[in-house]
């Protein structure tokens, strides 16, 4: 699949030529157009709303995939890690119980990770804000978000700028920053 820059995408949408790209059918054209023009995708919002948040949380337990989670929910009404822990203590087989308990304990390692889409929703306005600075020539999200990993631990950004100081200043003082953990001449962490 080829990459399409924002300006090119906007042109293709306005000229109603998005469907000329190989692999873009009517449904995909509609969804890409909606996402590009509104910044939201109704299909995704409905899908996200239809899934109980606790079920998504269960995906963070190693060894539990969508099929097992669906079975646990449908057969036992389990919709959270707390409910799973209770059910585990109340009578799963010994081997299953050991695996689930170990998975819940190991969740600590995954606790600070976020689903890709949730991370993207945070990162995208930051990238746009950085790109809006006059000194910036190019800005992109990097790391596990750019690679499309299922979960993202932290957000990384790479910026090419003619003057780095205003970029670092903007980044460390943008809305929502609770703490600046590192600030140097060419990089910062918040």
Protein backbone atom coordinates (compact mmCIF):
# COMPACT_ATOMS: atom_id res chain seq x y z
CA UNK A 1 0.00 0.00 0.00
CA UNK A 2 1.30 3.44 -0.82
CA UNK A 3 1.45 6.32 1.62
CA UNK A 4 -0.72 9.33 0.89
CA UNK A 5 0.22 12.74 2.28
CA UNK A 6 -2.56 14.86 3.84
CA UNK A 7 -2.61 17.36 0.96
CA UNK A 8 -2.83 14.58 -1.62
CA UNK A 9 -5.57 12.83 0.37
CA UNK A 10 -7.55 16.07 0.63
CA UNK A 11 -7.25 16.60 -3.14
CA UNK A 12 -8.37 13.03 -3.90
CA UNK A 13 -11.38 13.45 -1.60
CA UNK A 14 -12.42 16.82 -3.08
CA UNK A 15 -12.04 15.50 -6.63
CA UNK A 16 -13.85 12.28 -5.64
CA UNK A 17 -10.95 10.20 -6.97
CA UNK A 18 -10.08 8.27 -3.81
CA UNK A 19 -11.77 5.21 -5.31
CA UNK A 20 -9.22 5.14 -8.13
CA UNK A 21 -6.57 3.85 -5.73
CA UNK A 22 -6.16 0.09 -5.97
CA UNK A 23 -7.86 -1.62 -3.03
CA UNK A 24 -10.16 1.31 -2.20
CA UNK A 25 -13.75 0.19 -2.56
CA UNK A 26 -16.85 2.24 -1.85
CA UNK A 27 -16.96 1.38 1.87
CA UNK A 28 -13.29 2.23 2.45
CA UNK A 29 -13.61 5.48 0.48
CA UNK A 30 -16.56 6.47 2.69
CA UNK A 31 -14.69 5.66 5.91
CA UNK A 32 -11.43 7.39 4.90
CA UNK A 33 -13.37 10.45 3.74
CA UNK A 34 -15.31 10.60 7.00
CA UNK A 35 -12.17 10.18 9.12
CA UNK A 36 -10.22 12.78 7.14
CA UNK A 37 -12.97 15.40 7.08
CA UNK A 38 -14.33 14.98 10.63
CA UNK A 39 -11.41 13.46 12.53
CA UNK A 40 -13.78 10.74 13.74
CA UNK A 41 -15.16 7.49 12.39
CA UNK A 42 -18.74 6.69 13.40
CA UNK A 43 -18.21 2.98 12.63
CA UNK A 44 -15.29 2.84 15.07
CA UNK A 45 -17.10 4.86 17.73
CA UNK A 46 -20.09 2.47 17.61
CA UNK A 47 -17.78 -0.54 17.72
CA UNK A 48 -15.85 0.90 20.66
CA UNK A 49 -19.09 1.69 22.51
CA UNK A 50 -20.41 -1.84 21.95
CA UNK A 51 -17.55 -3.46 23.86
CA UNK A 52 -17.48 -3.30 27.64
CA UNK A 53 -14.25 -1.58 28.78
CA UNK A 54 -13.43 -4.46 31.13
CA UNK A 55 -13.37 -6.89 28.21
CA UNK A 56 -10.68 -4.85 26.47
CA UNK A 57 -8.74 -4.78 29.75
CA UNK A 58 -8.79 -8.60 29.77
CA UNK A 59 -6.74 -8.58 26.54
CA UNK A 60 -3.82 -7.42 28.67
CA UNK A 61 -3.68 -10.81 30.39
CA UNK A 62 -1.14 -13.01 28.59
CA UNK A 63 -2.81 -16.15 27.27
CA UNK A 64 -6.27 -14.60 26.98
CA UNK A 65 -7.26 -13.82 23.43
CA UNK A 66 -10.55 -12.57 22.00
CA UNK A 67 -12.07 -16.07 21.70
CA UNK A 68 -11.34 -17.03 25.33
CA UNK A 69 -12.54 -13.66 26.57
CA UNK A 70 -15.79 -14.02 24.61
CA UNK A 71 -16.31 -17.50 26.06
CA UNK A 72 -15.61 -16.26 29.61
CA UNK A 73 -18.05 -13.40 29.11
CA UNK A 74 -20.80 -15.43 27.42
CA UNK A 75 -20.63 -18.48 29.69
CA UNK A 76 -19.62 -16.99 33.04
CA UNK A 77 -20.51 -13.30 32.74
CA UNK A 78 -16.90 -12.26 33.31
CA UNK A 79 -16.35 -8.68 32.15
CA UNK A 80 -13.35 -7.46 34.17
CA UNK A 81 -10.05 -8.57 35.66
CA UNK A 82 -11.60 -8.44 39.14
CA UNK A 83 -14.44 -10.76 38.06
CA UNK A 84 -11.92 -13.09 36.43
CA UNK A 85 -9.86 -13.20 39.62
CA UNK A 86 -12.97 -14.07 41.68
CA UNK A 87 -14.06 -16.77 39.23
CA UNK A 88 -10.55 -18.19 39.19
CA UNK A 89 -10.54 -18.56 42.97
CA UNK A 90 -14.02 -20.10 42.86
CA UNK A 91 -13.32 -23.09 40.71
CA UNK A 92 -11.35 -23.13 37.49
CA UNK A 93 -9.18 -26.17 36.91
CA UNK A 94 -5.78 -26.03 38.63
CA UNK A 95 -3.78 -25.53 35.41
CA UNK A 96 -6.15 -22.86 34.07
CA UNK A 97 -6.20 -21.17 37.46
CA UNK A 98 -2.38 -21.06 37.60
CA UNK A 99 -2.17 -19.59 34.10
CA UNK A 100 -4.77 -16.93 34.80
CA UNK A 101 -3.30 -15.97 38.18
CA UNK A 102 0.17 -15.71 36.60
CA UNK A 103 -1.29 -13.61 33.78
CA UNK A 104 -2.99 -11.25 36.21
CA UNK A 105 0.27 -10.86 38.15
CA UNK A 106 2.23 -10.27 34.93
CA UNK A 107 -0.26 -7.61 33.92
CA UNK A 108 1.80 -5.17 35.95
CA UNK A 109 4.24 -5.12 33.04
CA UNK A 110 1.42 -4.22 30.66
CA UNK A 111 -0.41 -1.84 32.99
CA UNK A 112 1.14 1.29 31.55
CA UNK A 113 0.51 0.28 27.95
CA UNK A 114 -2.42 1.57 25.90
CA UNK A 115 -4.25 0.27 22.88
CA UNK A 116 -2.89 1.68 19.61
CA UNK A 117 -6.02 3.67 18.77
CA UNK A 118 -6.17 5.31 22.21
CA UNK A 119 -2.49 6.28 21.91
CA UNK A 120 -3.04 7.62 18.38
CA UNK A 121 -5.91 9.83 19.60
CA UNK A 122 -3.48 11.44 22.06
CA UNK A 123 -0.51 11.62 19.68
CA UNK A 124 -2.23 13.04 16.61
CA UNK A 125 -3.08 16.48 18.08
CA UNK A 126 0.46 16.71 19.46
CA UNK A 127 1.96 15.98 16.03
CA UNK A 128 -0.37 18.56 14.46
CA UNK A 129 0.58 21.12 17.12
CA UNK A 130 4.29 20.54 16.51
CA UNK A 131 3.78 20.76 12.73
CA UNK A 132 2.07 24.11 13.26
CA UNK A 133 5.26 25.69 14.65
CA UNK A 134 7.04 27.89 12.11
CA UNK A 135 10.47 26.37 12.77
CA UNK A 136 9.27 22.82 12.10
CA UNK A 137 10.03 21.26 8.73
CA UNK A 138 8.69 17.79 9.56
CA UNK A 139 7.22 16.04 12.59
CA UNK A 140 6.12 12.42 12.96
CA UNK A 141 5.08 10.02 15.68
CA UNK A 142 7.70 7.30 16.14
CA UNK A 143 8.28 4.14 18.16
CA UNK A 144 5.61 1.51 18.73
CA UNK A 145 2.85 3.89 17.58
CA UNK A 146 4.47 4.40 14.17
CA UNK A 147 5.16 0.68 13.87
CA UNK A 148 1.47 -0.04 14.49
CA UNK A 149 2.04 -2.22 17.55
CA UNK A 150 -1.15 -3.42 19.24
CA UNK A 151 -0.23 -1.61 22.45
CA UNK A 152 1.87 1.50 23.03
CA UNK A 153 3.87 2.15 26.18
CA UNK A 154 4.86 5.74 25.54
CA UNK A 155 4.66 8.30 22.76
CA UNK A 156 7.75 9.21 20.79
CA UNK A 157 8.05 12.05 18.29
CA UNK A 158 10.77 12.89 15.80
CA UNK A 159 11.01 16.50 14.66
CA UNK A 160 13.17 18.23 12.05
CA UNK A 161 13.32 21.96 12.76
CA UNK A 162 15.41 24.99 11.90
CA UNK A 163 15.27 26.10 15.55
CA UNK A 164 14.78 23.45 18.24
CA UNK A 165 14.25 25.72 21.27
CA UNK A 166 10.66 26.77 20.43
CA UNK A 167 9.74 23.14 19.73
CA UNK A 168 11.06 21.96 23.10
CA UNK A 169 9.36 24.92 24.80
CA UNK A 170 5.99 24.21 23.13
CA UNK A 171 6.21 20.49 23.89
CA UNK A 172 7.01 20.99 27.59
CA UNK A 173 4.31 23.64 28.11
CA UNK A 174 1.47 22.23 25.98
CA UNK A 175 -1.92 21.69 27.60
CA UNK A 176 -2.14 18.52 29.64
CA UNK A 177 1.52 18.33 30.69
CA UNK A 178 1.60 17.41 34.37
CA UNK A 179 5.35 17.05 34.77
CA UNK A 180 8.47 17.66 32.69
CA UNK A 181 10.75 14.72 33.46
CA UNK A 182 13.64 15.83 31.23
CA UNK A 183 14.40 18.94 29.19
CA UNK A 184 17.54 19.51 27.18
CA UNK A 185 18.63 21.50 24.15
CA UNK A 186 17.40 18.95 21.61
CA UNK A 187 14.94 16.69 23.44
CA UNK A 188 12.40 16.58 26.23
CA UNK A 189 10.24 14.10 28.14
CA UNK A 190 6.93 14.91 29.79
